Amino acid sequence: MSRNPELEALLQAKYDLDTASDEQKVTLERVYFARLDAIIARSGIPGTTRHLIEEVFVDAYREFRRAKKLEERAKLGRIR
């Protein structure tokens, strides 16, 4: 499925944060929040928040996460 590169980067940043080790979380959280803040800044819509942006993309993120898990399983299956 083809997506907007900016959306893909946001979803990847969220996935990286969700799957990160404790040592990596602070750094990856900054990356993720920076992406959200950039979207908010470009939107020009007063009152837009990180939480609102996350709500808008919740379904896209679920689909992205599901695809990543299937991709990882396929890689593991090929290794065996």
PDB file of N, CA and C in Angstrom:
ATOM      1  N   MET A   1       0.840  -1.177   0.000  1.00  0.00           N
ATOM      2  CA  MET A   1       0.000   0.000   0.000  1.00  0.00           C
ATOM      3  C   MET A   1       0.887   1.242   0.000  1.00  0.00           C
ATOM      4  N   SER A   2       0.622   2.118  -0.896  1.00  0.00           N
ATOM      5  CA  SER A   2       1.392   3.342  -1.028  1.00  0.00           C
ATOM      6  C   SER A   2       0.791   4.421  -0.128  1.00  0.00           C
ATOM      7  N   ARG A   3       1.654   5.060   0.620  1.00  0.00           N
ATOM      8  CA  ARG A   3       1.215   6.130   1.515  1.00  0.00           C
ATOM      9  C   ARG A   3       2.051   7.369   1.283  1.00  0.00           C
ATOM     10  N   ASN A   4       1.608   8.442   1.889  1.00  0.00           N
ATOM     11  CA  ASN A   4       2.358   9.681   1.910  1.00  0.00           C
ATOM     12  C   ASN A   4       3.650   9.438   2.698  1.00  0.00           C
ATOM     13  N   PRO A   5       4.804   9.862   2.181  1.00  0.00           N
ATOM     14  CA  PRO A   5       6.076   9.623   2.887  1.00  0.00           C
ATOM     15  C   PRO A   5       6.112  10.238   4.285  1.00  0.00           C
ATOM     16  N   GLU A   6       5.482  11.384   4.465  1.00  0.00           N
ATOM     17  CA  GLU A   6       5.456  12.009   5.784  1.00  0.00           C
ATOM     18  C   GLU A   6       4.627  11.173   6.766  1.00  0.00           C
ATOM     19  N   LEU A   7       3.504  10.657   6.308  1.00  0.00           N
ATOM     20  CA  LEU A   7       2.679   9.783   7.138  1.00  0.00           C
ATOM     21  C   LEU A   7       3.439   8.509   7.465  1.00  0.00           C
ATOM     22  N   GLU A   8       4.089   7.952   6.475  1.00  0.00           N
ATOM     23  CA  GLU A   8       4.872   6.727   6.688  1.00  0.00           C
ATOM     24  C   GLU A   8       5.961   6.960   7.742  1.00  0.00           C
ATOM     25  N   ALA A   9       6.626   8.109   7.681  1.00  0.00           N
ATOM     26  CA  ALA A   9       7.674   8.438   8.659  1.00  0.00           C
ATOM     27  C   ALA A   9       7.083   8.594  10.059  1.00  0.00           C
ATOM     28  N   LEU A  10       5.901   9.212  10.158  1.00  0.00           N
ATOM     29  CA  LEU A  10       5.248   9.360  11.451  1.00  0.00           C
ATOM     30  C   LEU A  10       4.874   7.995  12.025  1.00  0.00           C
ATOM     31  N   LEU A  11       4.294   7.146  11.204  1.00  0.00           N
ATOM     32  CA  LEU A  11       3.895   5.817  11.665  1.00  0.00           C
ATOM     33  C   LEU A  11       5.117   4.990  12.068  1.00  0.00           C
ATOM     34  N   GLN A  12       6.198   5.106  11.319  1.00  0.00           N
ATOM     35  CA  GLN A  12       7.425   4.385  11.659  1.00  0.00           C
ATOM     36  C   GLN A  12       8.004   4.905  12.972  1.00  0.00           C
ATOM     37  N   ALA A  13       7.970   6.210  13.177  1.00  0.00           N
ATOM     38  CA  ALA A  13       8.473   6.794  14.419  1.00  0.00           C
ATOM     39  C   ALA A  13       7.661   6.303  15.615  1.00  0.00           C
ATOM     40  N   LYS A  14       6.349   6.218  15.463  1.00  0.00           N
ATOM     41  CA  LYS A  14       5.478   5.707  16.529  1.00  0.00           C
ATOM     42  C   LYS A  14       5.778   4.239  16.794  1.00  0.00           C
ATOM     43  N   TYR A  15       5.941   3.464  15.752  1.00  0.00           N
ATOM     44  CA  TYR A  15       6.240   2.037  15.897  1.00  0.00           C
ATOM     45  C   TYR A  15       7.596   1.843  16.585  1.00  0.00           C
ATOM     46  N   ASP A  16       8.577   2.615  16.174  1.00  0.00           N
ATOM     47  CA  ASP A  16       9.902   2.542  16.792  1.00  0.00           C
ATOM     48  C   ASP A  16       9.821   2.854  18.279  1.00  0.00           C
ATOM     49  N   LEU A  17       9.048   3.861  18.635  1.00  0.00           N
ATOM     50  CA  LEU A  17       8.881   4.234  20.032  1.00  0.00           C
ATOM     51  C   LEU A  17       8.183   3.125  20.810  1.00  0.00           C
ATOM     52  N   ASP A  18       7.138   2.577  20.244  1.00  0.00           N
ATOM     53  CA  ASP A  18       6.376   1.527  20.927  1.00  0.00           C
ATOM     54  C   ASP A  18       7.176   0.241  21.128  1.00  0.00           C
ATOM     55  N   THR A  19       8.119  -0.024  20.263  1.00  0.00           N
ATOM     56  CA  THR A  19       8.886  -1.272  20.337  1.00  0.00           C
ATOM     57  C   THR A  19      10.299  -1.072  20.874  1.00  0.00           C
ATOM     58  N   ALA A  20      10.604   0.134  21.341  1.00  0.00           N
ATOM     59  CA  ALA A  20      11.969   0.460  21.785  1.00  0.00           C
ATOM     60  C   ALA A  20      12.266  -0.112  23.167  1.00  0.00           C
ATOM     61  N   SER A  21      13.545  -0.304  23.401  1.00  0.00           N
ATOM     62  CA  SER A  21      13.990  -0.666  24.744  1.00  0.00           C
ATOM     63  C   SER A  21      13.908   0.583  25.621  1.00  0.00           C
ATOM     64  N   ASP A  22      13.973   0.389  26.925  1.00  0.00           N
ATOM     65  CA  ASP A  22      13.890   1.524  27.845  1.00  0.00           C
ATOM     66  C   ASP A  22      14.985   2.548  27.589  1.00  0.00           C
ATOM     67  N   GLU A  23      16.162   2.089  27.196  1.00  0.00           N
ATOM     68  CA  GLU A  23      17.285   2.996  26.944  1.00  0.00           C
ATOM     69  C   GLU A  23      17.041   3.890  25.729  1.00  0.00           C
ATOM     70  N   GLN A  24      16.279   3.411  24.781  1.00  0.00           N
ATOM     71  CA  GLN A  24      16.036   4.148  23.542  1.00  0.00           C
ATOM     72  C   GLN A  24      14.806   5.051  23.595  1.00  0.00           C
ATOM     73  N   LYS A  25      13.933   4.823  24.554  1.00  0.00           N
ATOM     74  CA  LYS A  25      12.629   5.500  24.563  1.00  0.00           C
ATOM     75  C   LYS A  25      12.720   7.024  24.571  1.00  0.00           C
ATOM     76  N   VAL A  26      13.608   7.599  25.362  1.00  0.00           N
ATOM     77  CA  VAL A  26      13.684   9.066  25.452  1.00  0.00           C
ATOM     78  C   VAL A  26      14.050   9.663  24.093  1.00  0.00           C
ATOM     79  N   THR A  27      15.042   9.093  23.452  1.00  0.00           N
ATOM     80  CA  THR A  27      15.478   9.601  22.146  1.00  0.00           C
ATOM     81  C   THR A  27      14.382   9.437  21.101  1.00  0.00           C
ATOM     82  N   LEU A  28      13.765   8.271  21.062  1.00  0.00           N
ATOM     83  CA  LEU A  28      12.736   8.014  20.061  1.00  0.00           C
ATOM     84  C   LEU A  28      11.461   8.814  20.332  1.00  0.00           C
ATOM     85  N   GLU A  29      11.198   9.092  21.596  1.00  0.00           N
ATOM     86  CA  GLU A  29      10.056   9.928  21.937  1.00  0.00           C
ATOM     87  C   GLU A  29      10.255  11.343  21.400  1.00  0.00           C
ATOM     88  N   ARG A  30      11.464  11.849  21.488  1.00  0.00           N
ATOM     89  CA  ARG A  30      11.763  13.188  20.937  1.00  0.00           C
ATOM     90  C   ARG A  30      11.541  13.211  19.420  1.00  0.00           C
ATOM     91  N   VAL A  31      11.979  12.168  18.750  1.00  0.00           N
ATOM     92  CA  VAL A  31      11.806  12.079  17.293  1.00  0.00           C
ATOM     93  C   VAL A  31      10.315  12.061  16.943  1.00  0.00           C
ATOM     94  N   TYR A  32       9.571  11.235  17.631  1.00  0.00           N
ATOM     95  CA  TYR A  32       8.137  11.108  17.372  1.00  0.00           C
ATOM     96  C   TYR A  32       7.413  12.432  17.637  1.00  0.00           C
ATOM     97  N   PHE A  33       7.687  13.046  18.791  1.00  0.00           N
ATOM     98  CA  PHE A  33       7.035  14.316  19.122  1.00  0.00           C
ATOM     99  C   PHE A  33       7.444  15.423  18.153  1.00  0.00           C
ATOM    100  N   ALA A  34       8.664  15.401  17.684  1.00  0.00           N
ATOM    101  CA  ALA A  34       9.100  16.400  16.700  1.00  0.00           C
ATOM    102  C   ALA A  34       8.303  16.250  15.408  1.00  0.00           C
ATOM    103  N   ARG A  35       8.041  15.023  14.999  1.00  0.00           N
ATOM    104  CA  ARG A  35       7.232  14.792  13.793  1.00  0.00           C
ATOM    105  C   ARG A  35       5.800  15.289  14.002  1.00  0.00           C
ATOM    106  N   LEU A  36       5.235  14.991  15.168  1.00  0.00           N
ATOM    107  CA  LEU A  36       3.886  15.476  15.466  1.00  0.00           C
ATOM    108  C   LEU A  36       3.849  16.997  15.469  1.00  0.00           C
ATOM    109  N   ASP A  37       4.845  17.606  16.099  1.00  0.00           N
ATOM    110  CA  ASP A  37       4.890  19.075  16.172  1.00  0.00           C
ATOM    111  C   ASP A  37       5.032  19.707  14.790  1.00  0.00           C
ATOM    112  N   ALA A  38       5.773  19.059  13.907  1.00  0.00           N
ATOM    113  CA  ALA A  38       5.922  19.576  12.544  1.00  0.00           C
ATOM    114  C   ALA A  38       4.582  19.537  11.803  1.00  0.00           C
ATOM    115  N   ILE A  39       3.837  18.477  12.005  1.00  0.00           N
ATOM    116  CA  ILE A  39       2.513  18.368  11.376  1.00  0.00           C
ATOM    117  C   ILE A  39       1.597  19.465  11.913  1.00  0.00           C
ATOM    118  N   ILE A  40       1.635  19.673  13.215  1.00  0.00           N
ATOM    119  CA  ILE A  40       0.805  20.711  13.838  1.00  0.00           C
ATOM    120  C   ILE A  40       1.174  22.083  13.291  1.00  0.00           C
ATOM    121  N   ALA A  41       2.465  22.355  13.198  1.00  0.00           N
ATOM    122  CA  ALA A  41       2.920  23.659  12.702  1.00  0.00           C
ATOM    123  C   ALA A  41       2.464  23.896  11.268  1.00  0.00           C
ATOM    124  N   ARG A  42       2.539  22.877  10.432  1.00  0.00           N
ATOM    125  CA  ARG A  42       2.132  23.030   9.031  1.00  0.00           C
ATOM    126  C   ARG A  42       0.621  23.102   8.872  1.00  0.00           C
ATOM    127  N   SER A  43      -0.108  22.539   9.814  1.00  0.00           N
ATOM    128  CA  SER A  43      -1.563  22.506   9.668  1.00  0.00           C
ATOM    129  C   SER A  43      -2.164  23.904   9.717  1.00  0.00           C
ATOM    130  N   GLY A  44      -1.595  24.763  10.547  1.00  0.00           N
ATOM    131  CA  GLY A  44      -2.128  26.112  10.668  1.00  0.00           C
ATOM    132  C   GLY A  44      -3.503  26.163  11.309  1.00  0.00           C
ATOM    133  N   ILE A  45      -3.915  25.078  11.939  1.00  0.00           N
ATOM    134  CA  ILE A  45      -5.237  25.012  12.567  1.00  0.00           C
ATOM    135  C   ILE A  45      -5.064  25.257  14.062  1.00  0.00           C
ATOM    136  N   PRO A  46      -5.584  26.361  14.557  1.00  0.00           N
ATOM    137  CA  PRO A  46      -5.451  26.657  15.988  1.00  0.00           C
ATOM    138  C   PRO A  46      -6.087  25.561  16.843  1.00  0.00           C
ATOM    139  N   GLY A  47      -5.443  25.242  17.942  1.00  0.00           N
ATOM    140  CA  GLY A  47      -5.983  24.246  18.863  1.00  0.00           C
ATOM    141  C   GLY A  47      -5.620  22.817  18.537  1.00  0.00           C
ATOM    142  N   THR A  48      -4.882  22.591  17.466  1.00  0.00           N
ATOM    143  CA  THR A  48      -4.465  21.242  17.115  1.00  0.00           C
ATOM    144  C   THR A  48      -3.433  20.775  18.131  1.00  0.00           C
ATOM    145  N   THR A  49      -3.607  19.563  18.624  1.00  0.00           N
ATOM    146  CA  THR A  49      -2.704  19.011  19.637  1.00  0.00           C
ATOM    147  C   THR A  49      -2.097  17.695  19.157  1.00  0.00           C
ATOM    148  N   ARG A  50      -1.072  17.261  19.840  1.00  0.00           N
ATOM    149  CA  ARG A  50      -0.470  15.959  19.536  1.00  0.00           C
ATOM    150  C   ARG A  50      -1.511  14.858  19.665  1.00  0.00           C
ATOM    151  N   HIS A  51      -2.287  14.942  20.722  1.00  0.00           N
ATOM    152  CA  HIS A  51      -3.311  13.920  20.971  1.00  0.00           C
ATOM    153  C   HIS A  51      -4.318  13.859  19.821  1.00  0.00           C
ATOM    154  N   LEU A  52      -4.729  15.001  19.327  1.00  0.00           N
ATOM    155  CA  LEU A  52      -5.674  15.045  18.214  1.00  0.00           C
ATOM    156  C   LEU A  52      -5.079  14.396  16.964  1.00  0.00           C
ATOM    157  N   ILE A  53      -3.827  14.707  16.679  1.00  0.00           N
ATOM    158  CA  ILE A  53      -3.162  14.108  15.515  1.00  0.00           C
ATOM    159  C   ILE A  53      -3.100  12.591  15.685  1.00  0.00           C
ATOM    160  N   GLU A  54      -2.761  12.136  16.883  1.00  0.00           N
ATOM    161  CA  GLU A  54      -2.708  10.688  17.129  1.00  0.00           C
ATOM    162  C   GLU A  54      -4.075  10.037  16.927  1.00  0.00           C
ATOM    163  N   GLU A  55      -5.129  10.697  17.358  1.00  0.00           N
ATOM    164  CA  GLU A  55      -6.476  10.157  17.175  1.00  0.00           C
ATOM    165  C   GLU A  55      -6.837  10.029  15.703  1.00  0.00           C
ATOM    166  N   VAL A  56      -6.424  11.006  14.912  1.00  0.00           N
ATOM    167  CA  VAL A  56      -6.735  10.993  13.482  1.00  0.00           C
ATOM    168  C   VAL A  56      -6.074   9.793  12.793  1.00  0.00           C
ATOM    169  N   PHE A  57      -4.865   9.453  13.226  1.00  0.00           N
ATOM    170  CA  PHE A  57      -4.110   8.400  12.554  1.00  0.00           C
ATOM    171  C   PHE A  57      -4.137   7.055  13.271  1.00  0.00           C
ATOM    172  N   VAL A  58      -5.022   6.871  14.237  1.00  0.00           N
ATOM    173  CA  VAL A  58      -5.045   5.633  15.008  1.00  0.00           C
ATOM    174  C   VAL A  58      -5.309   4.413  14.117  1.00  0.00           C
ATOM    175  N   ASP A  59      -6.234   4.494  13.190  1.00  0.00           N
ATOM    176  CA  ASP A  59      -6.528   3.357  12.316  1.00  0.00           C
ATOM    177  C   ASP A  59      -5.366   3.068  11.375  1.00  0.00           C
ATOM    178  N   ALA A  60      -4.769   4.117  10.843  1.00  0.00           N
ATOM    179  CA  ALA A  60      -3.608   3.928   9.957  1.00  0.00           C
ATOM    180  C   ALA A  60      -2.463   3.288  10.730  1.00  0.00           C
ATOM    181  N   TYR A  61      -2.293   3.682  11.990  1.00  0.00           N
ATOM    182  CA  TYR A  61      -1.213   3.095  12.792  1.00  0.00           C
ATOM    183  C   TYR A  61      -1.494   1.631  13.095  1.00  0.00           C
ATOM    184  N   ARG A  62      -2.716   1.284  13.393  1.00  0.00           N
ATOM    185  CA  ARG A  62      -3.055  -0.135  13.640  1.00  0.00           C
ATOM    186  C   ARG A  62      -2.733  -0.979  12.408  1.00  0.00           C
ATOM    187  N   GLU A  63      -3.103  -0.480  11.253  1.00  0.00           N
ATOM    188  CA  GLU A  63      -2.824  -1.195  10.007  1.00  0.00           C
ATOM    189  C   GLU A  63      -1.313  -1.308   9.778  1.00  0.00           C
ATOM    190  N   PHE A  64      -0.601  -0.224  10.026  1.00  0.00           N
ATOM    191  CA  PHE A  64       0.856  -0.205   9.869  1.00  0.00           C
ATOM    192  C   PHE A  64       1.506  -1.222  10.801  1.00  0.00           C
ATOM    193  N   ARG A  65       1.077  -1.221  12.072  1.00  0.00           N
ATOM    194  CA  ARG A  65       1.634  -2.142  13.065  1.00  0.00           C
ATOM    195  C   ARG A  65       1.350  -3.598  12.679  1.00  0.00           C
ATOM    196  N   ARG A  66       0.149  -3.855  12.211  1.00  0.00           N
ATOM    197  CA  ARG A  66      -0.218  -5.214  11.789  1.00  0.00           C
ATOM    198  C   ARG A  66       0.662  -5.661  10.614  1.00  0.00           C
ATOM    199  N   ALA A  67       0.877  -4.765   9.663  1.00  0.00           N
ATOM    200  CA  ALA A  67       1.719  -5.094   8.509  1.00  0.00           C
ATOM    201  C   ALA A  67       3.161  -5.363   8.944  1.00  0.00           C
ATOM    202  N   LYS A  68       3.655  -4.580   9.887  1.00  0.00           N
ATOM    203  CA  LYS A  68       5.024  -4.786  10.395  1.00  0.00           C
ATOM    204  C   LYS A  68       5.154  -6.146  11.068  1.00  0.00           C
ATOM    205  N   LYS A  69       4.172  -6.523  11.856  1.00  0.00           N
ATOM    206  CA  LYS A  69       4.217  -7.820  12.543  1.00  0.00           C
ATOM    207  C   LYS A  69       4.175  -8.967  11.537  1.00  0.00           C
ATOM    208  N   LEU A  70       3.350  -8.838  10.521  1.00  0.00           N
ATOM    209  CA  LEU A  70       3.297  -9.873   9.481  1.00  0.00           C
ATOM    210  C   LEU A  70       4.627  -9.960   8.746  1.00  0.00           C
ATOM    211  N   GLU A  71       5.226  -8.812   8.481  1.00  0.00           N
ATOM    212  CA  GLU A  71       6.526  -8.766   7.812  1.00  0.00           C
ATOM    213  C   GLU A  71       7.603  -9.443   8.669  1.00  0.00           C
ATOM    214  N   GLU A  72       7.578  -9.181   9.969  1.00  0.00           N
ATOM    215  CA  GLU A  72       8.555  -9.796  10.871  1.00  0.00           C
ATOM    216  C   GLU A  72       8.364 -11.304  10.943  1.00  0.00           C
ATOM    217  N   ARG A  73       7.114 -11.757  11.003  1.00  0.00           N
ATOM    218  CA  ARG A  73       6.837 -13.206  11.023  1.00  0.00           C
ATOM    219  C   ARG A  73       7.314 -13.877   9.751  1.00  0.00           C
ATOM    220  N   ALA A  74       7.100 -13.210   8.629  1.00  0.00           N
ATOM    221  CA  ALA A  74       7.544 -13.770   7.353  1.00  0.00           C
ATOM    222  C   ALA A  74       9.061 -13.908   7.327  1.00  0.00           C
ATOM    223  N   LYS A  75       9.774 -12.927   7.864  1.00  0.00           N
ATOM    224  CA  LYS A  75      11.238 -12.998   7.920  1.00  0.00           C
ATOM    225  C   LYS A  75      11.679 -14.141   8.798  1.00  0.00           C
ATOM    226  N   LEU A  76      11.032 -14.313   9.949  1.00  0.00           N
ATOM    227  CA  LEU A  76      11.383 -15.410  10.851  1.00  0.00           C
ATOM    228  C   LEU A  76      11.110 -16.765  10.193  1.00  0.00           C
ATOM    229  N   GLY A  77      10.024 -16.844   9.453  1.00  0.00           N
ATOM    230  CA  GLY A  77       9.682 -18.094   8.761  1.00  0.00           C
ATOM    231  C   GLY A  77      10.708 -18.470   7.706  1.00  0.00           C
ATOM    232  N   ARG A  78      11.291 -17.474   7.065  1.00  0.00           N
ATOM    233  CA  ARG A  78      12.296 -17.745   6.035  1.00  0.00           C
ATOM    234  C   ARG A  78      13.628 -18.172   6.650  1.00  0.00           C
ATOM    235  N   ILE A  79      13.895 -17.716   7.869  1.00  0.00           N
ATOM    236  CA  ILE A  79      15.161 -18.051   8.525  1.00  0.00           C
ATOM    237  C   ILE A  79      15.184 -19.513   8.922  1.00  0.00           C
ATOM    238  N   ARG A  80      14.062 -20.042   9.344  1.00  0.00           N
ATOM    239  CA  ARG A  80      13.989 -21.428   9.816  1.00  0.00           C
ATOM    240  C   ARG A  80      14.157 -22.383   8.726  1.00  0.00           C
TER     241      ARG A  80
END
